[in-house]
PDB file of N, CA and C in Angstrom:
ATOM      1  N   ASP A   1       0.830  -1.202   0.000  1.00  0.00           N
ATOM      2  CA  ASP A   1       0.000   0.000   0.000  1.00  0.00           C
ATOM      3  C   ASP A   1       0.869   1.260   0.000  1.00  0.00           C
ATOM      4  N   ASP A   2       2.059   1.167  -0.570  1.00  0.00           N
ATOM      5  CA  ASP A   2       2.987   2.297  -0.617  1.00  0.00           C
ATOM      6  C   ASP A   2       2.718   3.118  -1.863  1.00  0.00           C
ATOM      7  N   ASP A   3       2.209   4.359  -1.661  1.00  0.00           N
ATOM      8  CA  ASP A   3       1.906   5.199  -2.818  1.00  0.00           C
ATOM      9  C   ASP A   3       3.047   6.158  -3.156  1.00  0.00           C
ATOM     10  N   GLY A   4       4.196   6.008  -2.486  1.00  0.00           N
ATOM     11  CA  GLY A   4       5.352   6.837  -2.795  1.00  0.00           C
ATOM     12  C   GLY A   4       5.329   8.208  -2.140  1.00  0.00           C
ATOM     13  N   ARG A   5       4.308   8.514  -1.335  1.00  0.00           N
ATOM     14  CA  ARG A   5       4.195   9.835  -0.732  1.00  0.00           C
ATOM     15  C   ARG A   5       4.985   9.966   0.553  1.00  0.00           C
ATOM     16  N   ASP A   6       5.422   8.850   1.132  1.00  0.00           N
ATOM     17  CA  ASP A   6       6.121   8.971   2.396  1.00  0.00           C
ATOM     18  C   ASP A   6       7.549   8.465   2.260  1.00  0.00           C
ATOM     19  N   ASN A   7       8.360   8.815   3.239  1.00  0.00           N
ATOM     20  CA  ASN A   7       9.749   8.384   3.212  1.00  0.00           C
ATOM     21  C   ASN A   7       9.893   7.085   3.987  1.00  0.00           C
ATOM     22  N   ASP A   8      11.105   6.659   4.230  1.00  0.00           N
ATOM     23  CA  ASP A   8      11.359   5.391   4.909  1.00  0.00           C
ATOM     24  C   ASP A   8      10.796   5.337   6.323  1.00  0.00           C
ATOM     25  N   ASP A   9      10.660   6.493   6.957  1.00  0.00           N
ATOM     26  CA  ASP A   9      10.158   6.535   8.330  1.00  0.00           C
ATOM     27  C   ASP A   9       8.641   6.636   8.399  1.00  0.00           C
ATOM     28  N   GLY A  10       7.971   6.694   7.264  1.00  0.00           N
ATOM     29  CA  GLY A  10       6.521   6.771   7.255  1.00  0.00           C
ATOM     30  C   GLY A  10       5.963   8.177   7.320  1.00  0.00           C
ATOM     31  N   TRP A  11       6.821   9.195   7.207  1.00  0.00           N
ATOM     32  CA  TRP A  11       6.368  10.577   7.258  1.00  0.00           C
ATOM     33  C   TRP A  11       5.911  11.027   5.879  1.00  0.00           C
ATOM     34  N   VAL A  12       4.850  11.810   5.856  1.00  0.00           N
ATOM     35  CA  VAL A  12       4.360  12.384   4.610  1.00  0.00           C
ATOM     36  C   VAL A  12       4.834  13.827   4.530  1.00  0.00           C
ATOM     37  N   ASP A  13       5.403  14.214   3.395  1.00  0.00           N
ATOM     38  CA  ASP A  13       5.851  15.588   3.195  1.00  0.00           C
ATOM     39  C   ASP A  13       4.667  16.393   2.671  1.00  0.00           C
ATOM     40  N   GLU A  14       4.056  17.167   3.560  1.00  0.00           N
ATOM     41  CA  GLU A  14       2.869  17.943   3.203  1.00  0.00           C
ATOM     42  C   GLU A  14       3.173  18.996   2.151  1.00  0.00           C
ATOM     43  N   VAL A  15       4.399  19.515   2.141  1.00  0.00           N
ATOM     44  CA  VAL A  15       4.754  20.551   1.173  1.00  0.00           C
ATOM     45  C   VAL A  15       4.723  19.979  -0.245  1.00  0.00           C
ATOM     46  N   GLU A  16       5.140  18.742  -0.390  1.00  0.00           N
ATOM     47  CA  GLU A  16       5.095  18.115  -1.710  1.00  0.00           C
ATOM     48  C   GLU A  16       3.670  17.998  -2.243  1.00  0.00           C
ATOM     49  N   GLU A  17       2.712  17.993  -1.346  1.00  0.00           N
ATOM     50  CA  GLU A  17       1.309  17.873  -1.735  1.00  0.00           C
ATOM     51  C   GLU A  17       0.728  19.199  -2.239  1.00  0.00           C
ATOM     52  N   LEU A  18       1.431  20.305  -2.005  1.00  0.00           N
ATOM     53  CA  LEU A  18       0.928  21.618  -2.408  1.00  0.00           C
ATOM     54  C   LEU A  18       1.165  21.859  -3.891  1.00  0.00           C
ATOM     55  N   ASP A  19       0.243  22.616  -4.490  1.00  0.00           N
ATOM     56  CA  ASP A  19       0.489  23.020  -5.875  1.00  0.00           C
ATOM     57  C   ASP A  19       1.483  24.185  -5.856  1.00  0.00           C
ATOM     58  N   PRO A  20       2.067  24.552  -7.001  1.00  0.00           N
ATOM     59  CA  PRO A  20       3.109  25.595  -7.016  1.00  0.00           C
ATOM     60  C   PRO A  20       2.677  26.924  -6.399  1.00  0.00           C
ATOM     61  N   ASP A  21       1.438  27.353  -6.608  1.00  0.00           N
ATOM     62  CA  ASP A  21       0.973  28.618  -6.025  1.00  0.00           C
ATOM     63  C   ASP A  21       0.890  28.528  -4.500  1.00  0.00           C
ATOM     64  N   GLU A  22       0.396  27.408  -4.006  1.00  0.00           N
ATOM     65  CA  GLU A  22       0.300  27.220  -2.558  1.00  0.00           C
ATOM     66  C   GLU A  22       1.699  27.153  -1.937  1.00  0.00           C
ATOM     67  N   ARG A  23       2.606  26.509  -2.624  1.00  0.00           N
ATOM     68  CA  ARG A  23       3.973  26.393  -2.124  1.00  0.00           C
ATOM     69  C   ARG A  23       4.632  27.772  -2.045  1.00  0.00           C
ATOM     70  N   LEU A  24       4.413  28.600  -3.066  1.00  0.00           N
ATOM     71  CA  LEU A  24       4.962  29.953  -3.078  1.00  0.00           C
ATOM     72  C   LEU A  24       4.380  30.788  -1.934  1.00  0.00           C
ATOM     73  N   MET A  25       3.068  30.681  -1.726  1.00  0.00           N
ATOM     74  CA  MET A  25       2.431  31.401  -0.612  1.00  0.00           C
ATOM     75  C   MET A  25       3.009  30.957   0.726  1.00  0.00           C
ATOM     76  N   LEU A  26       3.202  29.657   0.871  1.00  0.00           N
ATOM     77  CA  LEU A  26       3.768  29.134   2.118  1.00  0.00           C
ATOM     78  C   LEU A  26       5.176  29.685   2.332  1.00  0.00           C
ATOM     79  N   GLU A  27       6.010  29.625   1.302  1.00  0.00           N
ATOM     80  CA  GLU A  27       7.377  30.125   1.416  1.00  0.00           C
ATOM     81  C   GLU A  27       7.403  31.607   1.792  1.00  0.00           C
ATOM     82  N   LYS A  28       6.531  32.402   1.174  1.00  0.00           N
ATOM     83  CA  LYS A  28       6.463  33.836   1.497  1.00  0.00           C
ATOM     84  C   LYS A  28       6.028  34.060   2.936  1.00  0.00           C
ATOM     85  N   SER A  29       5.081  33.255   3.404  1.00  0.00           N
ATOM     86  CA  SER A  29       4.548  33.465   4.751  1.00  0.00           C
ATOM     87  C   SER A  29       5.535  33.045   5.841  1.00  0.00           C
ATOM     88  N   ILE A  30       6.398  32.063   5.563  1.00  0.00           N
ATOM     89  CA  ILE A  30       7.337  31.619   6.598  1.00  0.00           C
ATOM     90  C   ILE A  30       8.709  32.276   6.489  1.00  0.00           C
ATOM     91  N   LEU A  31       8.933  33.065   5.460  1.00  0.00           N
ATOM     92  CA  LEU A  31      10.234  33.721   5.281  1.00  0.00           C
ATOM     93  C   LEU A  31      10.645  34.576   6.482  1.00  0.00           C
ATOM     94  N   PRO A  32       9.756  35.410   7.048  1.00  0.00           N
ATOM     95  CA  PRO A  32      10.175  36.209   8.213  1.00  0.00           C
ATOM     96  C   PRO A  32      10.616  35.347   9.395  1.00  0.00           C
ATOM     97  N   VAL A  33       9.974  34.215   9.593  1.00  0.00           N
ATOM     98  CA  VAL A  33      10.351  33.312  10.684  1.00  0.00           C
ATOM     99  C   VAL A  33      11.722  32.707  10.407  1.00  0.00           C
ATOM    100  N   LYS A  34      11.948  32.274   9.171  1.00  0.00           N
ATOM    101  CA  LYS A  34      13.246  31.723   8.801  1.00  0.00           C
ATOM    102  C   LYS A  34      14.366  32.737   9.024  1.00  0.00           C
ATOM    103  N   LEU A  35      14.133  33.976   8.606  1.00  0.00           N
ATOM    104  CA  LEU A  35      15.146  35.021   8.756  1.00  0.00           C
ATOM    105  C   LEU A  35      15.431  35.318  10.227  1.00  0.00           C
ATOM    106  N   ALA A  36      14.387  35.345  11.043  1.00  0.00           N
ATOM    107  CA  ALA A  36      14.573  35.582  12.479  1.00  0.00           C
ATOM    108  C   ALA A  36      15.376  34.450  13.108  1.00  0.00           C
ATOM    109  N   LEU A  37      15.085  33.213  12.725  1.00  0.00           N
ATOM    110  CA  LEU A  37      15.835  32.078  13.265  1.00  0.00           C
ATOM    111  C   LEU A  37      17.305  32.131  12.865  1.00  0.00           C
ATOM    112  N   VAL A  38      17.574  32.518  11.633  1.00  0.00           N
ATOM    113  CA  VAL A  38      18.964  32.649  11.183  1.00  0.00           C
ATOM    114  C   VAL A  38      19.695  33.676  12.043  1.00  0.00           C
ATOM    115  N   LYS A  39      19.062  34.806  12.300  1.00  0.00           N
ATOM    116  CA  LYS A  39      19.696  35.851  13.113  1.00  0.00           C
ATOM    117  C   LYS A  39      19.932  35.379  14.541  1.00  0.00           C
ATOM    118  N   LEU A  40      18.956  34.670  15.108  1.00  0.00           N
ATOM    119  CA  LEU A  40      19.119  34.178  16.476  1.00  0.00           C
ATOM    120  C   LEU A  40      20.205  33.114  16.560  1.00  0.00           C
ATOM    121  N   ARG A  41      20.278  32.245  15.551  1.00  0.00           N
ATOM    122  CA  ARG A  41      21.342  31.229  15.535  1.00  0.00           C
ATOM    123  C   ARG A  41      22.716  31.890  15.471  1.00  0.00           C
ATOM    124  N   ARG A  42      22.841  32.919  14.653  1.00  0.00           N
ATOM    125  CA  ARG A  42      24.117  33.641  14.547  1.00  0.00           C
ATOM    126  C   ARG A  42      24.478  34.313  15.865  1.00  0.00           C
ATOM    127  N   LEU A  43      23.478  34.922  16.506  1.00  0.00           N
ATOM    128  CA  LEU A  43      23.723  35.574  17.785  1.00  0.00           C
ATOM    129  C   LEU A  43      24.173  34.554  18.823  1.00  0.00           C
ATOM    130  N   ALA A  44      23.468  33.431  18.920  1.00  0.00           N
ATOM    131  CA  ALA A  44      23.840  32.397  19.894  1.00  0.00           C
ATOM    132  C   ALA A  44      25.259  31.902  19.637  1.00  0.00           C
ATOM    133  N   TYR A  45      25.599  31.689  18.385  1.00  0.00           N
ATOM    134  CA  TYR A  45      26.947  31.232  18.028  1.00  0.00           C
ATOM    135  C   TYR A  45      27.994  32.257  18.460  1.00  0.00           C
ATOM    136  N   LYS A  46      27.737  33.524  18.168  1.00  0.00           N
ATOM    137  CA  LYS A  46      28.711  34.567  18.497  1.00  0.00           C
ATOM    138  C   LYS A  46      28.863  34.756  20.000  1.00  0.00           C
ATOM    139  N   VAL A  47      27.765  34.675  20.736  1.00  0.00           N
ATOM    140  CA  VAL A  47      27.853  34.812  22.195  1.00  0.00           C
ATOM    141  C   VAL A  47      28.706  33.682  22.763  1.00  0.00           C
ATOM    142  N   ILE A  48      28.530  32.484  22.235  1.00  0.00           N
ATOM    143  CA  ILE A  48      29.255  31.329  22.757  1.00  0.00           C
ATOM    144  C   ILE A  48      30.717  31.322  22.308  1.00  0.00           C
ATOM    145  N   HIS A  49      30.986  31.677  21.055  1.00  0.00           N
ATOM    146  CA  HIS A  49      32.326  31.486  20.492  1.00  0.00           C
ATOM    147  C   HIS A  49      33.224  32.724  20.482  1.00  0.00           C
ATOM    148  N   LEU A  50      32.681  33.908  20.572  1.00  0.00           N
ATOM    149  CA  LEU A  50      33.521  35.108  20.602  1.00  0.00           C
ATOM    150  C   LEU A  50      33.762  35.495  22.059  1.00  0.00           C
ATOM    151  N   THR A  51      34.637  34.722  22.687  1.00  0.00           N
ATOM    152  CA  THR A  51      34.810  34.796  24.140  1.00  0.00           C
ATOM    153  C   THR A  51      35.537  36.033  24.631  1.00  0.00           C
ATOM    154  N   THR A  52      36.191  36.756  23.730  1.00  0.00           N
ATOM    155  CA  THR A  52      36.904  37.951  24.189  1.00  0.00           C
ATOM    156  C   THR A  52      36.135  39.234  23.913  1.00  0.00           C
ATOM    157  N   ILE A  53      35.104  39.155  23.080  1.00  0.00           N
ATOM    158  CA  ILE A  53      34.369  40.367  22.713  1.00  0.00           C
ATOM    159  C   ILE A  53      32.910  40.277  23.149  1.00  0.00           C
ATOM    160  N   VAL A  54      32.179  39.371  22.546  1.00  0.00           N
ATOM    161  CA  VAL A  54      30.728  39.324  22.748  1.00  0.00           C
ATOM    162  C   VAL A  54      30.354  38.691  24.083  1.00  0.00           C
ATOM    163  N   LEU A  55      31.039  37.621  24.454  1.00  0.00           N
ATOM    164  CA  LEU A  55      30.683  36.939  25.705  1.00  0.00           C
ATOM    165  C   LEU A  55      30.793  37.847  26.925  1.00  0.00           C
ATOM    166  N   PRO A  56      31.893  38.597  27.096  1.00  0.00           N
ATOM    167  CA  PRO A  56      31.946  39.503  28.249  1.00  0.00           C
ATOM    168  C   PRO A  56      30.848  40.574  28.207  1.00  0.00           C
ATOM    169  N   ALA A  57      30.540  41.069  27.013  1.00  0.00           N
ATOM    170  CA  ALA A  57      29.466  42.070  26.893  1.00  0.00           C
ATOM    171  C   ALA A  57      28.127  41.457  27.282  1.00  0.00           C
ATOM    172  N   TRP A  58      27.899  40.217  26.851  1.00  0.00           N
ATOM    173  CA  TRP A  58      26.649  39.518  27.185  1.00  0.00           C
ATOM    174  C   TRP A  58      26.536  39.354  28.707  1.00  0.00           C
ATOM    175  N   HIS A  59      27.619  38.920  29.331  1.00  0.00           N
ATOM    176  CA  HIS A  59      27.599  38.755  30.789  1.00  0.00           C
ATOM    177  C   HIS A  59      27.341  40.085  31.497  1.00  0.00           C
ATOM    178  N   LYS A  60      27.947  41.146  31.023  1.00  0.00           N
ATOM    179  CA  LYS A  60      27.756  42.476  31.634  1.00  0.00           C
ATOM    180  C   LYS A  60      26.316  42.939  31.484  1.00  0.00           C
ATOM    181  N   ILE A  61      25.730  42.706  30.314  1.00  0.00           N
ATOM    182  CA  ILE A  61      24.336  43.096  30.093  1.00  0.00           C
ATOM    183  C   ILE A  61      23.425  42.338  31.044  1.00  0.00           C
ATOM    184  N   LEU A  62      23.635  41.039  31.170  1.00  0.00           N
ATOM    185  CA  LEU A  62      22.811  40.246  32.095  1.00  0.00           C
ATOM    186  C   LEU A  62      23.005  40.716  33.534  1.00  0.00           C
ATOM    187  N   GLU A  63      24.244  41.013  33.873  1.00  0.00           N
ATOM    188  CA  GLU A  63      24.541  41.512  35.219  1.00  0.00           C
ATOM    189  C   GLU A  63      23.822  42.836  35.478  1.00  0.00           C
ATOM    190  N   ASP A  64      23.896  43.754  34.516  1.00  0.00           N
ATOM    191  CA  ASP A  64      23.226  45.051  34.650  1.00  0.00           C
ATOM    192  C   ASP A  64      21.708  44.903  34.785  1.00  0.00           C
ATOM    193  N   LEU A  65      21.157  43.884  34.147  1.00  0.00           N
ATOM    194  CA  LEU A  65      19.714  43.625  34.231  1.00  0.00           C
ATOM    195  C   LEU A  65      19.351  42.781  35.450  1.00  0.00           C
ATOM    196  N   GLN A  66      20.364  42.460  36.242  1.00  0.00           N
ATOM    197  CA  GLN A  66      20.201  41.623  37.433  1.00  0.00           C
ATOM    198  C   GLN A  66      19.566  40.277  37.082  1.00  0.00           C
ATOM    199  N   ALA A  67      20.023  39.736  35.972  1.00  0.00           N
ATOM    200  CA  ALA A  67      19.573  38.422  35.518  1.00  0.00           C
ATOM    201  C   ALA A  67      20.696  37.416  35.755  1.00  0.00           C
ATOM    202  N   PRO A  68      20.345  36.158  35.908  1.00  0.00           N
ATOM    203  CA  PRO A  68      21.397  35.145  36.069  1.00  0.00           C
ATOM    204  C   PRO A  68      22.311  35.117  34.841  1.00  0.00           C
ATOM    205  N   ILE A  69      23.591  34.895  35.065  1.00  0.00           N
ATOM    206  CA  ILE A  69      24.556  34.828  33.970  1.00  0.00           C
ATOM    207  C   ILE A  69      24.428  33.439  33.329  1.00  0.00           C
ATOM    208  N   THR A  70      23.860  33.418  32.153  1.00  0.00           N
ATOM    209  CA  THR A  70      23.637  32.170  31.421  1.00  0.00           C
ATOM    210  C   THR A  70      24.000  32.378  29.956  1.00  0.00           C
ATOM    211  N   LEU A  71      24.176  31.284  29.250  1.00  0.00           N
ATOM    212  CA  LEU A  71      24.435  31.335  27.820  1.00  0.00           C
ATOM    213  C   LEU A  71      23.169  30.984  27.054  1.00  0.00           C
ATOM    214  N   MET A  72      22.995  31.624  25.942  1.00  0.00           N
ATOM    215  CA  MET A  72      21.872  31.327  25.069  1.00  0.00           C
ATOM    216  C   MET A  72      22.109  29.955  24.439  1.00  0.00           C
ATOM    217  N   PRO A  73      21.162  29.038  24.603  1.00  0.00           N
ATOM    218  CA  PRO A  73      21.335  27.747  23.927  1.00  0.00           C
ATOM    219  C   PRO A  73      21.274  27.951  22.427  1.00  0.00           C
ATOM    220  N   HIS A  74      22.080  27.201  21.693  1.00  0.00           N
ATOM    221  CA  HIS A  74      21.972  27.365  20.258  1.00  0.00           C
ATOM    222  C   HIS A  74      21.356  26.131  19.633  1.00  0.00           C
ATOM    223  N   ASP A  75      20.765  26.352  18.510  1.00  0.00           N
ATOM    224  CA  ASP A  75      20.014  25.352  17.779  1.00  0.00           C
ATOM    225  C   ASP A  75      20.967  24.315  17.190  1.00  0.00           C
ATOM    226  N   VAL A  76      20.713  23.062  17.483  1.00  0.00           N
ATOM    227  CA  VAL A  76      21.526  21.964  16.969  1.00  0.00           C
ATOM    228  C   VAL A  76      20.593  20.997  16.252  1.00  0.00           C
ATOM    229  N   SER A  77      20.878  20.719  14.998  1.00  0.00           N
ATOM    230  CA  SER A  77      19.959  19.903  14.198  1.00  0.00           C
ATOM    231  C   SER A  77      19.767  18.501  14.756  1.00  0.00           C
ATOM    232  N   THR A  78      20.759  17.976  15.460  1.00  0.00           N
ATOM    233  CA  THR A  78      20.634  16.617  15.980  1.00  0.00           C
ATOM    234  C   THR A  78      20.089  16.571  17.405  1.00  0.00           C
ATOM    235  N   ARG A  79      19.796  17.717  17.985  1.00  0.00           N
ATOM    236  CA  ARG A  79      19.285  17.750  19.358  1.00  0.00           C
ATOM    237  C   ARG A  79      17.813  18.106  19.355  1.00  0.00           C
ATOM    238  N   TRP A  80      17.009  17.199  19.808  1.00  0.00           N
ATOM    239  CA  TRP A  80      15.578  17.374  19.845  1.00  0.00           C
ATOM    240  C   TRP A  80      15.208  18.621  20.639  1.00  0.00           C
ATOM    241  N   ASN A  81      14.340  19.419  20.081  1.00  0.00           N
ATOM    242  CA  ASN A  81      13.765  20.583  20.761  1.00  0.00           C
ATOM    243  C   ASN A  81      14.717  21.757  20.944  1.00  0.00           C
ATOM    244  N   SER A  82      15.886  21.733  20.331  1.00  0.00           N
ATOM    245  CA  SER A  82      16.847  22.812  20.577  1.00  0.00           C
ATOM    246  C   SER A  82      16.384  24.144  19.992  1.00  0.00           C
ATOM    247  N   THR A  83      15.622  24.124  18.906  1.00  0.00           N
ATOM    248  CA  THR A  83      15.090  25.375  18.362  1.00  0.00           C
ATOM    249  C   THR A  83      14.121  25.989  19.362  1.00  0.00           C
ATOM    250  N   PHE A  84      13.259  25.166  19.930  1.00  0.00           N
ATOM    251  CA  PHE A  84      12.326  25.662  20.945  1.00  0.00           C
ATOM    252  C   PHE A  84      13.083  26.215  22.149  1.00  0.00           C
ATOM    253  N   ASP A  85      14.103  25.480  22.609  1.00  0.00           N
ATOM    254  CA  ASP A  85      14.885  25.947  23.765  1.00  0.00           C
ATOM    255  C   ASP A  85      15.517  27.311  23.497  1.00  0.00           C
ATOM    256  N   MET A  86      16.056  27.482  22.282  1.00  0.00           N
ATOM    257  CA  MET A  86      16.677  28.750  21.914  1.00  0.00           C
ATOM    258  C   MET A  86      15.625  29.870  21.909  1.00  0.00           C
ATOM    259  N   LEU A  87      14.483  29.623  21.291  1.00  0.00           N
ATOM    260  CA  LEU A  87      13.429  30.640  21.227  1.00  0.00           C
ATOM    261  C   LEU A  87      12.864  30.958  22.611  1.00  0.00           C
ATOM    262  N   ASP A  88      12.687  29.940  23.425  1.00  0.00           N
ATOM    263  CA  ASP A  88      12.187  30.145  24.785  1.00  0.00           C
ATOM    264  C   ASP A  88      13.152  31.024  25.579  1.00  0.00           C
ATOM    265  N   TYR A  89      14.450  30.760  25.436  1.00  0.00           N
ATOM    266  CA  TYR A  89      15.467  31.564  26.111  1.00  0.00           C
ATOM    267  C   TYR A  89      15.421  33.010  25.629  1.00  0.00           C
ATOM    268  N   VAL A  90      15.308  33.205  24.325  1.00  0.00           N
ATOM    269  CA  VAL A  90      15.272  34.562  23.761  1.00  0.00           C
ATOM    270  C   VAL A  90      14.060  35.332  24.272  1.00  0.00           C
ATOM    271  N   ILE A  91      12.931  34.675  24.356  1.00  0.00           N
ATOM    272  CA  ILE A  91      11.727  35.344  24.878  1.00  0.00           C
ATOM    273  C   ILE A  91      11.939  35.758  26.333  1.00  0.00           C
ATOM    274  N   GLU A  92      12.526  34.857  27.132  1.00  0.00           N
ATOM    275  CA  GLU A  92      12.782  35.172  28.541  1.00  0.00           C
ATOM    276  C   GLU A  92      13.829  36.273  28.708  1.00  0.00           C
ATOM    277  N   HIS A  93      14.738  36.385  27.751  1.00  0.00           N
ATOM    278  CA  HIS A  93      15.846  37.347  27.838  1.00  0.00           C
ATOM    279  C   HIS A  93      15.756  38.397  26.730  1.00  0.00           C
ATOM    280  N   GLN A  94      14.550  38.748  26.365  1.00  0.00           N
ATOM    281  CA  GLN A  94      14.340  39.665  25.248  1.00  0.00           C
ATOM    282  C   GLN A  94      15.042  41.008  25.445  1.00  0.00           C
ATOM    283  N   GLU A  95      14.992  41.535  26.647  1.00  0.00           N
ATOM    284  CA  GLU A  95      15.625  42.836  26.895  1.00  0.00           C
ATOM    285  C   GLU A  95      17.138  42.752  26.684  1.00  0.00           C
ATOM    286  N   ALA A  96      17.751  41.686  27.171  1.00  0.00           N
ATOM    287  CA  ALA A  96      19.196  41.513  26.993  1.00  0.00           C
ATOM    288  C   ALA A  96      19.542  41.321  25.519  1.00  0.00           C
ATOM    289  N   VAL A  97      18.735  40.565  24.808  1.00  0.00           N
ATOM    290  CA  VAL A  97      18.959  40.348  23.371  1.00  0.00           C
ATOM    291  C   VAL A  97      18.853  41.679  22.632  1.00  0.00           C
ATOM    292  N   ASP A  98      17.847  42.460  22.959  1.00  0.00           N
ATOM    293  CA  ASP A  98      17.691  43.776  22.324  1.00  0.00           C
ATOM    294  C   ASP A  98      18.917  44.657  22.571  1.00  0.00           C
ATOM    295  N   ILE A  99      19.404  44.661  23.800  1.00  0.00           N
ATOM    296  CA  ILE A  99      20.550  45.503  24.143  1.00  0.00           C
ATOM    297  C   ILE A  99      21.805  45.047  23.399  1.00  0.00           C
ATOM    298  N   VAL A 100      22.083  43.743  23.423  1.00  0.00           N
ATOM    299  CA  VAL A 100      23.315  43.255  22.799  1.00  0.00           C
ATOM    300  C   VAL A 100      23.286  43.450  21.286  1.00  0.00           C
ATOM    301  N   THR A 101      22.136  43.326  20.668  1.00  0.00           N
ATOM    302  CA  THR A 101      22.072  43.491  19.212  1.00  0.00           C
ATOM    303  C   THR A 101      22.138  44.959  18.801  1.00  0.00           C
ATOM    304  N   GLN A 102      21.887  45.874  19.723  1.00  0.00           N
ATOM    305  CA  GLN A 102      21.990  47.302  19.417  1.00  0.00           C
ATOM    306  C   GLN A 102      23.411  47.825  19.592  1.00  0.00           C
ATOM    307  N   ARG A 103      24.262  47.031  20.184  1.00  0.00           N
ATOM    308  CA  ARG A 103      25.658  47.429  20.421  1.00  0.00           C
ATOM    309  C   ARG A 103      26.460  47.276  19.130  1.00  0.00           C
ATOM    310  N   ARG A 104      26.640  48.368  18.408  1.00  0.00           N
ATOM    311  CA  ARG A 104      27.351  48.331  17.121  1.00  0.00           C
ATOM    312  C   ARG A 104      28.811  47.929  17.275  1.00  0.00           C
ATOM    313  N   ASP A 105      29.399  48.223  18.419  1.00  0.00           N
ATOM    314  CA  ASP A 105      30.805  47.907  18.641  1.00  0.00           C
ATOM    315  C   ASP A 105      31.079  46.403  18.718  1.00  0.00           C
ATOM    316  N   LEU A 106      30.028  45.608  18.862  1.00  0.00           N
ATOM    317  CA  LEU A 106      30.205  44.161  18.954  1.00  0.00           C
ATOM    318  C   LEU A 106      30.174  43.468  17.584  1.00  0.00           C
ATOM    319  N   GLY A 107      29.780  44.195  16.570  1.00  0.00           N
ATOM    320  CA  GLY A 107      29.763  43.626  15.225  1.00  0.00           C
ATOM    321  C   GLY A 107      28.679  42.617  14.996  1.00  0.00           C
ATOM    322  N   LEU A 108      27.589  42.777  15.685  1.00  0.00           N
ATOM    323  CA  LEU A 108      26.465  41.842  15.493  1.00  0.00           C
ATOM    324  C   LEU A 108      25.551  42.456  14.492  1.00  0.00           C
TER     325      LEU A 108
END
């Protein structure tokens, strides 16, 4: 009863079921979300890996906001729920994210 619509794991790709106009509408509607995720992934990477520039600034911002000194989790394709964890952290630390991204001297 294999109609070729699913992959080896039994998942159906709903996007493949869309006609070209529907697919274009979908791509346009999710583009802002994709772009935001790309920016957040870059920010998380830079906070974690730029230990002499961005990391100290991030810690200072959290300290000034009297927030616990923590690192933003970054999205890992092989780790279940990591995108959600990253977004949840950003929502909880929105003020700190806003401040660090406005700092032109950090090159973000």
